[in-house]
C-alpha atoms as a PDB file:
ATOM      1  CA  UNK A   1      16.187  35.423  30.109  1.00  0.00           C
ATOM      2  CA  UNK A   2      13.322  33.578  31.818  1.00  0.00           C
ATOM      3  CA  UNK A   3      12.824  29.829  31.527  1.00  0.00           C
ATOM      4  CA  UNK A   4       9.785  27.612  32.113  1.00  0.00           C
ATOM      5  CA  UNK A   5       8.832  23.968  31.870  1.00  0.00           C
ATOM      6  CA  UNK A   6       7.042  22.654  28.787  1.00  0.00           C
ATOM      7  CA  UNK A   7       6.082  19.229  27.427  1.00  0.00           C
ATOM      8  CA  UNK A   8       6.876  18.556  23.784  1.00  0.00           C
ATOM      9  CA  UNK A   9       5.994  15.814  21.344  1.00  0.00           C
ATOM     10  CA  UNK A  10       8.702  13.351  20.440  1.00  0.00           C
ATOM     11  CA  UNK A  11       9.555  10.922  17.655  1.00  0.00           C
ATOM     12  CA  UNK A  12       8.111   8.089  19.720  1.00  0.00           C
ATOM     13  CA  UNK A  13       4.818   9.897  20.282  1.00  0.00           C
ATOM     14  CA  UNK A  14       5.393  10.429  24.001  1.00  0.00           C
ATOM     15  CA  UNK A  15       5.394  13.924  25.539  1.00  0.00           C
ATOM     16  CA  UNK A  16       8.791  14.813  26.994  1.00  0.00           C
ATOM     17  CA  UNK A  17       9.650  17.472  29.563  1.00  0.00           C
ATOM     18  CA  UNK A  18      11.711  20.345  28.181  1.00  0.00           C
ATOM     19  CA  UNK A  19      12.577  23.990  28.802  1.00  0.00           C
ATOM     20  CA  UNK A  20      11.531  27.086  26.869  1.00  0.00           C
ATOM     21  CA  UNK A  21      13.467  30.328  27.264  1.00  0.00           C
ATOM     22  CA  UNK A  22      12.012  33.790  26.647  1.00  0.00           C
ATOM     23  CA  UNK A  23      13.261  37.373  27.220  1.00  0.00           C
ATOM     24  CA  UNK A  24      12.782  38.741  30.739  1.00  0.00           C
ATOM     25  CA  UNK A  25      10.962  41.826  29.473  1.00  0.00           C
ATOM     26  CA  UNK A  26       7.493  41.520  27.966  1.00  0.00           C
ATOM     27  CA  UNK A  27       6.918  43.576  24.816  1.00  0.00           C
ATOM     28  CA  UNK A  28       3.793  45.379  23.618  1.00  0.00           C
ATOM     29  CA  UNK A  29       0.563  43.700  24.702  1.00  0.00           C
ATOM     30  CA  UNK A  30       2.225  40.444  25.771  1.00  0.00           C
ATOM     31  CA  UNK A  31       0.913  38.750  28.906  1.00  0.00           C
ATOM     32  CA  UNK A  32       2.694  36.153  31.018  1.00  0.00           C
ATOM     33  CA  UNK A  33       0.219  33.475  32.157  1.00  0.00           C
ATOM     34  CA  UNK A  34       0.825  30.828  34.815  1.00  0.00           C
ATOM     35  CA  UNK A  35      -0.952  27.719  33.541  1.00  0.00           C
ATOM     36  CA  UNK A  36      -3.391  26.185  36.044  1.00  0.00           C
ATOM     37  CA  UNK A  37      -5.151  23.682  33.769  1.00  0.00           C
ATOM     38  CA  UNK A  38      -4.921  22.384  30.223  1.00  0.00           C
ATOM     39  CA  UNK A  39      -7.423  20.425  28.224  1.00  0.00           C
ATOM     40  CA  UNK A  40      -6.289  17.530  26.072  1.00  0.00           C
ATOM     41  CA  UNK A  41      -7.791  17.707  22.586  1.00  0.00           C
ATOM     42  CA  UNK A  42      -7.879  15.101  19.842  1.00  0.00           C
ATOM     43  CA  UNK A  43      -5.774  17.471  17.741  1.00  0.00           C
ATOM     44  CA  UNK A  44      -2.925  17.047  20.225  1.00  0.00           C
ATOM     45  CA  UNK A  45      -2.713  13.417  19.125  1.00  0.00           C
ATOM     46  CA  UNK A  46      -1.985  14.564  15.562  1.00  0.00           C
ATOM     47  CA  UNK A  47       1.112  16.433  16.758  1.00  0.00           C
ATOM     48  CA  UNK A  48       2.421  14.085  19.433  1.00  0.00           C
ATOM     49  CA  UNK A  49       5.371  13.014  17.244  1.00  0.00           C
ATOM     50  CA  UNK A  50       6.386  16.591  16.409  1.00  0.00           C
ATOM     51  CA  UNK A  51       9.164  18.550  18.120  1.00  0.00           C
ATOM     52  CA  UNK A  52       6.763  21.175  19.489  1.00  0.00           C
ATOM     53  CA  UNK A  53       5.056  22.053  22.752  1.00  0.00           C
ATOM     54  CA  UNK A  54       1.651  20.395  22.946  1.00  0.00           C
ATOM     55  CA  UNK A  55      -1.672  21.761  24.160  1.00  0.00           C
ATOM     56  CA  UNK A  56      -3.990  24.569  23.096  1.00  0.00           C
ATOM     57  CA  UNK A  57      -6.793  24.483  25.693  1.00  0.00           C
ATOM     58  CA  UNK A  58      -5.082  26.628  28.283  1.00  0.00           C
ATOM     59  CA  UNK A  59      -6.349  28.338  31.411  1.00  0.00           C
ATOM     60  CA  UNK A  60      -4.288  30.257  33.912  1.00  0.00           C
ATOM     61  CA  UNK A  61      -3.615  33.341  35.981  1.00  0.00           C
ATOM     62  CA  UNK A  62      -1.952  36.530  34.748  1.00  0.00           C
ATOM     63  CA  UNK A  63       1.495  36.865  36.325  1.00  0.00           C
ATOM     64  CA  UNK A  64       2.848  39.891  34.482  1.00  0.00           C
ATOM     65  CA  UNK A  65       1.777  42.265  31.716  1.00  0.00           C
ATOM     66  CA  UNK A  66       3.639  44.141  29.001  1.00  0.00           C
ATOM     67  CA  UNK A  67       3.627  47.934  28.559  1.00  0.00           C
ATOM     68  CA  UNK A  68       0.927  47.837  25.900  1.00  0.00           C
ATOM     69  CA  UNK A  69      -1.604  45.818  27.913  1.00  0.00           C
ATOM     70  CA  UNK A  70      -4.784  47.830  28.497  1.00  0.00           C
ATOM     71  CA  UNK A  71      -7.313  45.593  30.207  1.00  0.00           C
ATOM     72  CA  UNK A  72      -5.740  42.633  31.971  1.00  0.00           C
ATOM     73  CA  UNK A  73      -3.886  42.848  35.261  1.00  0.00           C
ATOM     74  CA  UNK A  74      -1.953  40.532  37.523  1.00  0.00           C
ATOM     75  CA  UNK A  75      -4.229  37.955  39.144  1.00  0.00           C
ATOM     76  CA  UNK A  76      -6.859  37.873  36.387  1.00  0.00           C
ATOM     77  CA  UNK A  77      -7.998  34.427  35.229  1.00  0.00           C
ATOM     78  CA  UNK A  78      -7.789  33.904  31.470  1.00  0.00           C
ATOM     79  CA  UNK A  79      -7.863  31.192  28.840  1.00  0.00           C
ATOM     80  CA  UNK A  80      -6.787  30.717  25.251  1.00  0.00           C
ATOM     81  CA  UNK A  81      -7.554  28.355  22.428  1.00  0.00           C
ATOM     82  CA  UNK A  82      -6.380  27.244  19.009  1.00  0.00           C
ATOM     83  CA  UNK A  83      -5.591  30.702  17.609  1.00  0.00           C
ATOM     84  CA  UNK A  84      -3.201  33.057  19.388  1.00  0.00           C
ATOM     85  CA  UNK A  85      -2.494  35.834  16.854  1.00  0.00           C
ATOM     86  CA  UNK A  86      -3.459  37.398  13.525  1.00  0.00           C
ATOM     87  CA  UNK A  87      -2.399  40.440  11.532  1.00  0.00           C
ATOM     88  CA  UNK A  88      -5.333  42.596  12.647  1.00  0.00           C
ATOM     89  CA  UNK A  89      -5.403  44.527   9.368  1.00  0.00           C
ATOM     90  CA  UNK A  90      -6.645  42.277   6.549  1.00  0.00           C
ATOM     91  CA  UNK A  91     -10.295  42.163   5.526  1.00  0.00           C
ATOM     92  CA  UNK A  92     -10.891  38.937   7.452  1.00  0.00           C
ATOM     93  CA  UNK A  93      -9.507  40.495  10.626  1.00  0.00           C
ATOM     94  CA  UNK A  94     -11.451  43.762  10.377  1.00  0.00           C
ATOM     95  CA  UNK A  95     -14.613  41.753   9.677  1.00  0.00           C
ATOM     96  CA  UNK A  96     -14.072  39.877  12.944  1.00  0.00           C
ATOM     97  CA  UNK A  97     -13.217  36.658  11.094  1.00  0.00           C
ATOM     98  CA  UNK A  98      -9.561  36.588  12.107  1.00  0.00           C
ATOM     99  CA  UNK A  99      -9.555  32.785  12.084  1.00  0.00           C
ATOM    100  CA  UNK A 100      -9.263  33.062   8.283  1.00  0.00           C
ATOM    101  CA  UNK A 101      -6.400  35.592   8.319  1.00  0.00           C
ATOM    102  CA  UNK A 102      -3.579  34.310   6.126  1.00  0.00           C
ATOM    103  CA  UNK A 103      -1.074  35.442   8.770  1.00  0.00           C
ATOM    104  CA  UNK A 104      -2.891  33.798  11.683  1.00  0.00           C
ATOM    105  CA  UNK A 105      -1.000  31.904  14.374  1.00  0.00           C
ATOM    106  CA  UNK A 106      -2.618  28.588  15.195  1.00  0.00           C
ATOM    107  CA  UNK A 107      -1.593  25.534  17.152  1.00  0.00           C
ATOM    108  CA  UNK A 108       0.557  23.256  15.043  1.00  0.00           C
ATOM    109  CA  UNK A 109       1.635  26.014  12.648  1.00  0.00           C
ATOM    110  CA  UNK A 110       3.265  28.622  14.919  1.00  0.00           C
ATOM    111  CA  UNK A 111       4.676  29.167  18.420  1.00  0.00           C
ATOM    112  CA  UNK A 112       6.243  25.723  18.556  1.00  0.00           C
ATOM    113  CA  UNK A 113       8.111  26.583  21.774  1.00  0.00           C
ATOM    114  CA  UNK A 114       5.033  27.130  23.957  1.00  0.00           C
ATOM    115  CA  UNK A 115       1.557  25.751  24.508  1.00  0.00           C
ATOM    116  CA  UNK A 116      -0.775  24.771  27.336  1.00  0.00           C
ATOM    117  CA  UNK A 117       1.228  21.679  28.374  1.00  0.00           C
ATOM    118  CA  UNK A 118       3.430  24.095  30.246  1.00  0.00           C
ATOM    119  CA  UNK A 119       4.054  25.907  33.510  1.00  0.00           C
ATOM    120  CA  UNK A 120       3.940  29.353  31.857  1.00  0.00           C
ATOM    121  CA  UNK A 121       3.056  30.857  28.491  1.00  0.00           C
ATOM    122  CA  UNK A 122       3.256  34.294  26.880  1.00  0.00           C
ATOM    123  CA  UNK A 123       0.425  35.440  24.597  1.00  0.00           C
ATOM    124  CA  UNK A 124      -1.021  38.662  23.252  1.00  0.00           C
ATOM    125  CA  UNK A 125      -3.708  40.228  25.431  1.00  0.00           C
ATOM    126  CA  UNK A 126      -6.002  40.420  22.396  1.00  0.00           C
ATOM    127  CA  UNK A 127      -6.139  36.612  22.182  1.00  0.00           C
ATOM    128  CA  UNK A 128      -6.676  35.877  25.861  1.00  0.00           C
ATOM    129  CA  UNK A 129     -10.234  35.387  27.119  1.00  0.00           C
ATOM    130  CA  UNK A 130     -11.303  36.288  30.687  1.00  0.00           C
ATOM    131  CA  UNK A 131     -12.628  33.253  32.548  1.00  0.00           C
ATOM    132  CA  UNK A 132     -16.028  33.776  34.233  1.00  0.00           C
ATOM    133  CA  UNK A 133     -15.866  33.464  38.017  1.00  0.00           C
ATOM    134  CA  UNK A 134     -18.469  30.698  38.081  1.00  0.00           C
ATOM    135  CA  UNK A 135     -16.386  28.356  35.877  1.00  0.00           C
ATOM    136  CA  UNK A 136     -13.479  26.510  37.497  1.00  0.00           C
ATOM    137  CA  UNK A 137     -10.105  26.324  35.773  1.00  0.00           C
ATOM    138  CA  UNK A 138     -10.521  22.584  35.137  1.00  0.00           C
ATOM    139  CA  UNK A 139     -13.970  23.051  33.587  1.00  0.00           C
ATOM    140  CA  UNK A 140     -12.906  26.107  31.578  1.00  0.00           C
ATOM    141  CA  UNK A 141      -9.989  24.338  29.884  1.00  0.00           C
ATOM    142  CA  UNK A 142     -11.970  22.034  27.513  1.00  0.00           C
ATOM    143  CA  UNK A 143     -14.219  24.938  26.575  1.00  0.00           C
ATOM    144  CA  UNK A 144     -11.276  26.782  24.995  1.00  0.00           C
ATOM    145  CA  UNK A 145     -11.320  24.493  21.948  1.00  0.00           C
ATOM    146  CA  UNK A 146     -13.955  21.775  22.303  1.00  0.00           C
ATOM    147  CA  UNK A 147     -16.632  24.139  23.601  1.00  0.00           C
ATOM    148  CA  UNK A 148     -15.718  26.923  21.181  1.00  0.00           C
ATOM    149  CA  UNK A 149     -15.759  24.543  18.210  1.00  0.00           C
ATOM    150  CA  UNK A 150     -19.289  23.243  18.770  1.00  0.00           C
ATOM    151  CA  UNK A 151     -20.632  26.651  19.813  1.00  0.00           C
ATOM    152  CA  UNK A 152     -19.436  28.062  16.475  1.00  0.00           C
ATOM    153  CA  UNK A 153     -21.441  25.403  14.624  1.00  0.00           C
ATOM    154  CA  UNK A 154     -24.563  26.318  16.619  1.00  0.00           C
ATOM    155  CA  UNK A 155     -24.652  29.987  15.617  1.00  0.00           C
ATOM    156  CA  UNK A 156     -27.797  31.500  14.048  1.00  0.00           C
ATOM    157  CA  UNK A 157     -30.169  28.814  15.304  1.00  0.00           C
ATOM    158  CA  UNK A 158     -33.786  29.436  16.275  1.00  0.00           C
ATOM    159  CA  UNK A 159     -35.392  27.860  19.366  1.00  0.00           C
ATOM    160  CA  UNK A 160     -37.768  26.029  17.019  1.00  0.00           C
ATOM    161  CA  UNK A 161     -34.909  24.267  15.216  1.00  0.00           C
ATOM    162  CA  UNK A 162     -34.009  20.619  15.641  1.00  0.00           C
ATOM    163  CA  UNK A 163     -30.310  19.917  16.103  1.00  0.00           C
ATOM    164  CA  UNK A 164     -28.827  16.511  15.405  1.00  0.00           C
ATOM    165  CA  UNK A 165     -25.596  15.628  17.169  1.00  0.00           C
ATOM    166  CA  UNK A 166     -23.743  12.571  15.968  1.00  0.00           C
ATOM    167  CA  UNK A 167     -21.496  11.144  18.650  1.00  0.00           C
ATOM    168  CA  UNK A 168     -21.535  11.496  22.433  1.00  0.00           C
ATOM    169  CA  UNK A 169     -17.891  12.227  23.133  1.00  0.00           C
ATOM    170  CA  UNK A 170     -15.566  15.125  23.814  1.00  0.00           C
ATOM    171  CA  UNK A 171     -17.335  17.452  21.373  1.00  0.00           C
ATOM    172  CA  UNK A 172     -20.764  15.855  21.294  1.00  0.00           C
ATOM    173  CA  UNK A 173     -21.482  15.965  25.018  1.00  0.00           C
ATOM    174  CA  UNK A 174     -20.822  19.727  25.014  1.00  0.00           C
ATOM    175  CA  UNK A 175     -22.890  20.285  21.863  1.00  0.00           C
ATOM    176  CA  UNK A 176     -25.877  18.533  23.488  1.00  0.00           C
ATOM    177  CA  UNK A 177     -25.779  20.926  26.438  1.00  0.00           C
ATOM    178  CA  UNK A 178     -25.371  24.068  24.339  1.00  0.00           C
ATOM    179  CA  UNK A 179     -28.145  23.165  21.880  1.00  0.00           C
ATOM    180  CA  UNK A 180     -30.553  22.188  24.655  1.00  0.00           C
ATOM    181  CA  UNK A 181     -29.968  25.443  26.548  1.00  0.00           C
ATOM    182  CA  UNK A 182     -30.568  27.367  23.312  1.00  0.00           C
ATOM    183  CA  UNK A 183     -34.087  25.947  23.403  1.00  0.00           C
ATOM    184  CA  UNK A 184     -33.677  23.612  20.435  1.00  0.00           C
ATOM    185  CA  UNK A 185     -34.933  20.062  20.156  1.00  0.00           C
ATOM    186  CA  UNK A 186     -31.866  17.851  20.398  1.00  0.00           C
ATOM    187  CA  UNK A 187     -31.602  14.503  18.629  1.00  0.00           C
ATOM    188  CA  UNK A 188     -28.518  12.437  19.439  1.00  0.00           C
ATOM    189  CA  UNK A 189     -27.319   9.851  16.931  1.00  0.00           C
ATOM    190  CA  UNK A 190     -24.918   7.180  18.141  1.00  0.00           C
ATOM    191  CA  UNK A 191     -23.534   3.846  17.056  1.00  0.00           C
ATOM    192  CA  UNK A 192     -24.850   2.042  20.125  1.00  0.00           C
ATOM    193  CA  UNK A 193     -27.313   2.416  22.981  1.00  0.00           C
ATOM    194  CA  UNK A 194     -24.510   2.609  25.564  1.00  0.00           C
ATOM    195  CA  UNK A 195     -24.610   6.383  26.106  1.00  0.00           C
ATOM    196  CA  UNK A 196     -28.376   6.900  25.887  1.00  0.00           C
ATOM    197  CA  UNK A 197     -28.906   7.703  29.577  1.00  0.00           C
ATOM    198  CA  UNK A 198     -25.965  10.108  29.680  1.00  0.00           C
ATOM    199  CA  UNK A 199     -27.183  11.912  26.539  1.00  0.00           C
ATOM    200  CA  UNK A 200     -30.671  12.334  27.971  1.00  0.00           C
ATOM    201  CA  UNK A 201     -29.253  13.659  31.244  1.00  0.00           C
ATOM    202  CA  UNK A 202     -27.236  16.240  29.317  1.00  0.00           C
ATOM    203  CA  UNK A 203     -30.359  17.551  27.598  1.00  0.00           C
ATOM    204  CA  UNK A 204     -31.126  15.363  24.571  1.00  0.00           C
ATOM    205  CA  UNK A 205     -34.794  14.863  23.687  1.00  0.00           C
ATOM    206  CA  UNK A 206     -34.383  11.821  21.457  1.00  0.00           C
ATOM    207  CA  UNK A 207     -31.710   9.199  20.964  1.00  0.00           C
ATOM    208  CA  UNK A 208     -31.224   7.290  17.715  1.00  0.00           C
ATOM    209  CA  UNK A 209     -29.050   4.213  17.394  1.00  0.00           C
ATOM    210  CA  UNK A 210     -27.538   3.964  13.954  1.00  0.00           C
ATOM    211  CA  UNK A 211     -25.181   1.211  12.852  1.00  0.00           C
ATOM    212  CA  UNK A 212     -24.542  -0.934   9.808  1.00  0.00           C
ATOM    213  CA  UNK A 213     -27.230  -3.455  10.775  1.00  0.00           C
ATOM    214  CA  UNK A 214     -30.150  -1.286  11.797  1.00  0.00           C
ATOM    215  CA  UNK A 215     -31.428   2.130  12.718  1.00  0.00           C
ATOM    216  CA  UNK A 216     -33.776   2.516  15.663  1.00  0.00           C
ATOM    217  CA  UNK A 217     -35.533   5.619  16.884  1.00  0.00           C
ATOM    218  CA  UNK A 218     -37.950   6.679  19.574  1.00  0.00           C
ATOM    219  CA  UNK A 219     -41.611   6.524  18.640  1.00  0.00           C
ATOM    220  CA  UNK A 220     -43.483   9.681  17.772  1.00  0.00           C
ATOM    221  CA  UNK A 221     -43.467  12.501  15.280  1.00  0.00           C
ATOM    222  CA  UNK A 222     -40.504  12.669  12.889  1.00  0.00           C
ATOM    223  CA  UNK A 223     -38.253  15.637  13.574  1.00  0.00           C
ATOM    224  CA  UNK A 224     -36.303  16.614  10.432  1.00  0.00           C
ATOM    225  CA  UNK A 225     -32.897  17.963  11.415  1.00  0.00           C
ATOM    226  CA  UNK A 226     -32.318  21.672  10.818  1.00  0.00           C
ATOM    227  CA  UNK A 227     -28.653  21.210  11.610  1.00  0.00           C
ATOM    228  CA  UNK A 228     -26.383  18.230  12.072  1.00  0.00           C
ATOM    229  CA  UNK A 229     -23.069  18.306  13.930  1.00  0.00           C
ATOM    230  CA  UNK A 230     -20.895  15.306  13.103  1.00  0.00           C
ATOM    231  CA  UNK A 231     -18.457  14.844  15.993  1.00  0.00           C
ATOM    232  CA  UNK A 232     -17.464  11.230  15.368  1.00  0.00           C
ATOM    233  CA  UNK A 233     -13.906  10.351  14.364  1.00  0.00           C
ATOM    234  CA  UNK A 234     -15.024   8.493  11.229  1.00  0.00           C
ATOM    235  CA  UNK A 235     -17.425   9.505   8.489  1.00  0.00           C
ATOM    236  CA  UNK A 236     -21.025   8.372   9.037  1.00  0.00           C
ATOM    237  CA  UNK A 237     -23.356   6.533   6.708  1.00  0.00           C
ATOM    238  CA  UNK A 238     -24.457   9.536   4.666  1.00  0.00           C
ATOM    239  CA  UNK A 239     -27.091   7.555   2.741  1.00  0.00           C
ATOM    240  CA  UNK A 240     -28.860   6.847   6.035  1.00  0.00           C
ATOM    241  CA  UNK A 241     -28.404  10.377   7.390  1.00  0.00           C
ATOM    242  CA  UNK A 242     -29.484  12.549   4.470  1.00  0.00           C
ATOM    243  CA  UNK A 243     -33.160  11.449   4.561  1.00  0.00           C
ATOM    244  CA  UNK A 244     -33.235  12.733   8.160  1.00  0.00           C
ATOM    245  CA  UNK A 245     -32.268  16.264   7.103  1.00  0.00           C
ATOM    246  CA  UNK A 246     -34.790  19.081   6.669  1.00  0.00           C
ATOM    247  CA  UNK A 247     -34.890  21.142   3.464  1.00  0.00           C
ATOM    248  CA  UNK A 248     -32.179  23.837   3.431  1.00  0.00           C
ATOM    249  CA  UNK A 249     -30.525  22.321   6.484  1.00  0.00           C
ATOM    250  CA  UNK A 250     -26.814  22.468   7.313  1.00  0.00           C
ATOM    251  CA  UNK A 251     -24.299  19.750   8.087  1.00  0.00           C
ATOM    252  CA  UNK A 252     -21.150  20.588  10.052  1.00  0.00           C
ATOM    253  CA  UNK A 253     -18.401  17.933   9.868  1.00  0.00           C
ATOM    254  CA  UNK A 254     -16.383  18.884  12.967  1.00  0.00           C
ATOM    255  CA  UNK A 255     -13.929  16.016  13.346  1.00  0.00           C
ATOM    256  CA  UNK A 256     -10.463  16.345  11.889  1.00  0.00           C
ATOM    257  CA  UNK A 257      -9.780  13.452   9.523  1.00  0.00           C
ATOM    258  CA  UNK A 258      -7.650  12.758   6.488  1.00  0.00           C
ATOM    259  CA  UNK A 259      -9.075  11.685   3.153  1.00  0.00           C
ATOM    260  CA  UNK A 260     -12.013  12.999   1.163  1.00  0.00           C
ATOM    261  CA  UNK A 261     -15.550  13.770   2.207  1.00  0.00           C
ATOM    262  CA  UNK A 262     -17.728  11.495   0.048  1.00  0.00           C
ATOM    263  CA  UNK A 263     -21.468  12.093   0.129  1.00  0.00           C
ATOM    264  CA  UNK A 264     -24.458  11.241  -2.107  1.00  0.00           C
ATOM    265  CA  UNK A 265     -24.893  14.034  -4.613  1.00  0.00           C
ATOM    266  CA  UNK A 266     -28.571  14.023  -5.649  1.00  0.00           C
ATOM    267  CA  UNK A 267     -30.163  14.115  -2.138  1.00  0.00           C
ATOM    268  CA  UNK A 268     -27.965  17.117  -1.393  1.00  0.00           C
ATOM    269  CA  UNK A 269     -29.336  18.962  -4.418  1.00  0.00           C
ATOM    270  CA  UNK A 270     -32.998  17.987  -4.022  1.00  0.00           C
ATOM    271  CA  UNK A 271     -33.195  19.168  -0.405  1.00  0.00           C
ATOM    272  CA  UNK A 272     -30.868  22.153  -0.753  1.00  0.00           C
ATOM    273  CA  UNK A 273     -28.664  20.785   2.025  1.00  0.00           C
ATOM    274  CA  UNK A 274     -25.460  22.676   2.777  1.00  0.00           C
ATOM    275  CA  UNK A 275     -22.238  21.186   4.084  1.00  0.00           C
ATOM    276  CA  UNK A 276     -20.496  23.882   6.066  1.00  0.00           C
ATOM    277  CA  UNK A 277     -16.782  23.816   6.744  1.00  0.00           C
ATOM    278  CA  UNK A 278     -15.953  25.186  10.168  1.00  0.00           C
ATOM    279  CA  UNK A 279     -12.772  25.924  12.029  1.00  0.00           C
ATOM    280  CA  UNK A 280     -12.202  27.230  15.556  1.00  0.00           C
ATOM    281  CA  UNK A 281     -14.202  30.101  17.031  1.00  0.00           C
ATOM    282  CA  UNK A 282     -13.513  33.750  16.410  1.00  0.00           C
ATOM    283  CA  UNK A 283     -12.625  35.729  19.520  1.00  0.00           C
ATOM    284  CA  UNK A 284     -16.124  37.217  19.650  1.00  0.00           C
ATOM    285  CA  UNK A 285     -17.839  33.829  19.474  1.00  0.00           C
ATOM    286  CA  UNK A 286     -15.309  32.392  21.949  1.00  0.00           C
ATOM    287  CA  UNK A 287     -16.232  34.989  24.549  1.00  0.00           C
ATOM    288  CA  UNK A 288     -19.949  34.610  23.883  1.00  0.00           C
ATOM    289  CA  UNK A 289     -19.509  30.869  24.430  1.00  0.00           C
ATOM    290  CA  UNK A 290     -17.855  31.393  27.817  1.00  0.00           C
ATOM    291  CA  UNK A 291     -20.599  33.806  28.904  1.00  0.00           C
ATOM    292  CA  UNK A 292     -23.312  31.394  27.726  1.00  0.00           C
ATOM    293  CA  UNK A 293     -21.673  28.458  29.520  1.00  0.00           C
ATOM    294  CA  UNK A 294     -21.413  30.475  32.739  1.00  0.00           C
ATOM    295  CA  UNK A 295     -25.039  31.649  32.590  1.00  0.00           C
ATOM    296  CA  UNK A 296     -26.471  28.204  31.879  1.00  0.00           C
ATOM    297  CA  UNK A 297     -24.013  26.244  34.056  1.00  0.00           C
ATOM    298  CA  UNK A 298     -22.714  24.190  31.136  1.00  0.00           C
ATOM    299  CA  UNK A 299     -19.737  22.088  32.172  1.00  0.00           C
ATOM    300  CA  UNK A 300     -17.675  19.410  30.477  1.00  0.00           C
ATOM    301  CA  UNK A 301     -17.515  15.934  31.935  1.00  0.00           C
ATOM    302  CA  UNK A 302     -13.831  15.610  32.762  1.00  0.00           C
ATOM    303  CA  UNK A 303     -11.132  13.251  33.955  1.00  0.00           C
ATOM    304  CA  UNK A 304      -8.126  14.877  35.613  1.00  0.00           C
ATOM    305  CA  UNK A 305      -4.498  13.853  35.157  1.00  0.00           C
ATOM    306  CA  UNK A 306      -1.267  15.344  36.536  1.00  0.00           C
ATOM    307  CA  UNK A 307       0.752  17.479  34.130  1.00  0.00           C
ATOM    308  CA  UNK A 308       3.788  15.209  34.201  1.00  0.00           C
ATOM    309  CA  UNK A 309       5.343  12.969  31.571  1.00  0.00           C
ATOM    310  CA  UNK A 310       3.564   9.992  33.126  1.00  0.00           C
ATOM    311  CA  UNK A 311       0.236  11.791  33.514  1.00  0.00           C
ATOM    312  CA  UNK A 312       0.278  13.133  29.958  1.00  0.00           C
ATOM    313  CA  UNK A 313       1.106   9.702  28.554  1.00  0.00           C
ATOM    314  CA  UNK A 314      -1.733   8.105  30.490  1.00  0.00           C
ATOM    315  CA  UNK A 315      -4.192  10.751  29.336  1.00  0.00           C
ATOM    316  CA  UNK A 316      -3.092  10.599  25.684  1.00  0.00           C
ATOM    317  CA  UNK A 317      -3.145   6.803  25.612  1.00  0.00           C
ATOM    318  CA  UNK A 318      -6.632   6.802  27.085  1.00  0.00           C
ATOM    319  CA  UNK A 319      -7.831   9.408  24.589  1.00  0.00           C
ATOM    320  CA  UNK A 320      -6.242   7.542  21.688  1.00  0.00           C
ATOM    321  CA  UNK A 321      -8.097   4.369  22.675  1.00  0.00           C
ATOM    322  CA  UNK A 322     -11.408   6.236  22.975  1.00  0.00           C
ATOM    323  CA  UNK A 323     -11.782   5.653  26.709  1.00  0.00           C
ATOM    324  CA  UNK A 324     -11.790   9.197  28.101  1.00  0.00           C
ATOM    325  CA  UNK A 325     -15.124  10.280  29.569  1.00  0.00           C
ATOM    326  CA  UNK A 326     -15.370  12.831  27.977  1.00  0.00           C
ATOM    327  CA  UNK A 327     -12.521  15.368  28.191  1.00  0.00           C
ATOM    328  CA  UNK A 328      -9.109  14.892  29.787  1.00  0.00           C
ATOM    329  CA  UNK A 329      -7.721  17.813  31.778  1.00  0.00           C
ATOM    330  CA  UNK A 330      -4.098  18.153  32.867  1.00  0.00           C
ATOM    331  CA  UNK A 331      -3.427  19.888  36.172  1.00  0.00           C
ATOM    332  CA  UNK A 332       0.068  21.050  37.244  1.00  0.00           C
ATOM    333  CA  UNK A 333       1.359  19.390  40.388  1.00  0.00           C
END
């Protein structure tokens, strides 16, 4: 049996060092990956009190391959995200929409003994994504979930579309870059003016401050939003947002939150606005995202922390308080 170091959630909400044991021999298309970087996602906070290995934004180097592996070899750089397996046979899988497979394996619901807060991990080749040479391990890690999530919500856009992005944080700052490089007009909506300069540097064309007291916008022609990505941790003021939407536009609520989505009914009907549920990227979209990021030099803004109990606690506390700028990345010592 082989053993490797992992970091698991605990009853007190603090990641604790532990050991996972796996068979020495890899089976089928299994691949042993040495983890070189792991992103810290907001979803990890939801599971920090659970007895499970944390992390799902993993990047590493192939150490060993099983007998059924066809494409990867030792030394290849790969990454993985929220989903690590599916049945491969249902209609959703054969349509390339394996994220909706009812036998899917996703973080928080399967594989509780391994994750990206780890020294090693074993995954199926089919769910590992080659890392482009131009993207470093530390920059590639947040793309495995954060980048893939926003890229999914930006599919099927035209360069003439106007994309609204609510929130300049872990998801929002990546969405700004992707939408801008797609040729779209990018309107950033935030609760304060504090991140205006950063948003404009990342590619935004306009910046709107929206809070309970007032809404301010840049002067000039009104740009109705073809698509709106809501990346904030709390629901926005929908009554203020809906008049900004174009007819037949789409709204993607991307943050994970409990409770109900409550939105004015009549404006939704009159403008034909759609609210689109979205989960993590399919494997095809995931790989397109990595290629797009490499071509256009899209990188997350990161803060690095050591992958130790102390480093993980510091990173998770900082994320929980909303003070990470903008993605935390754990690096093994």
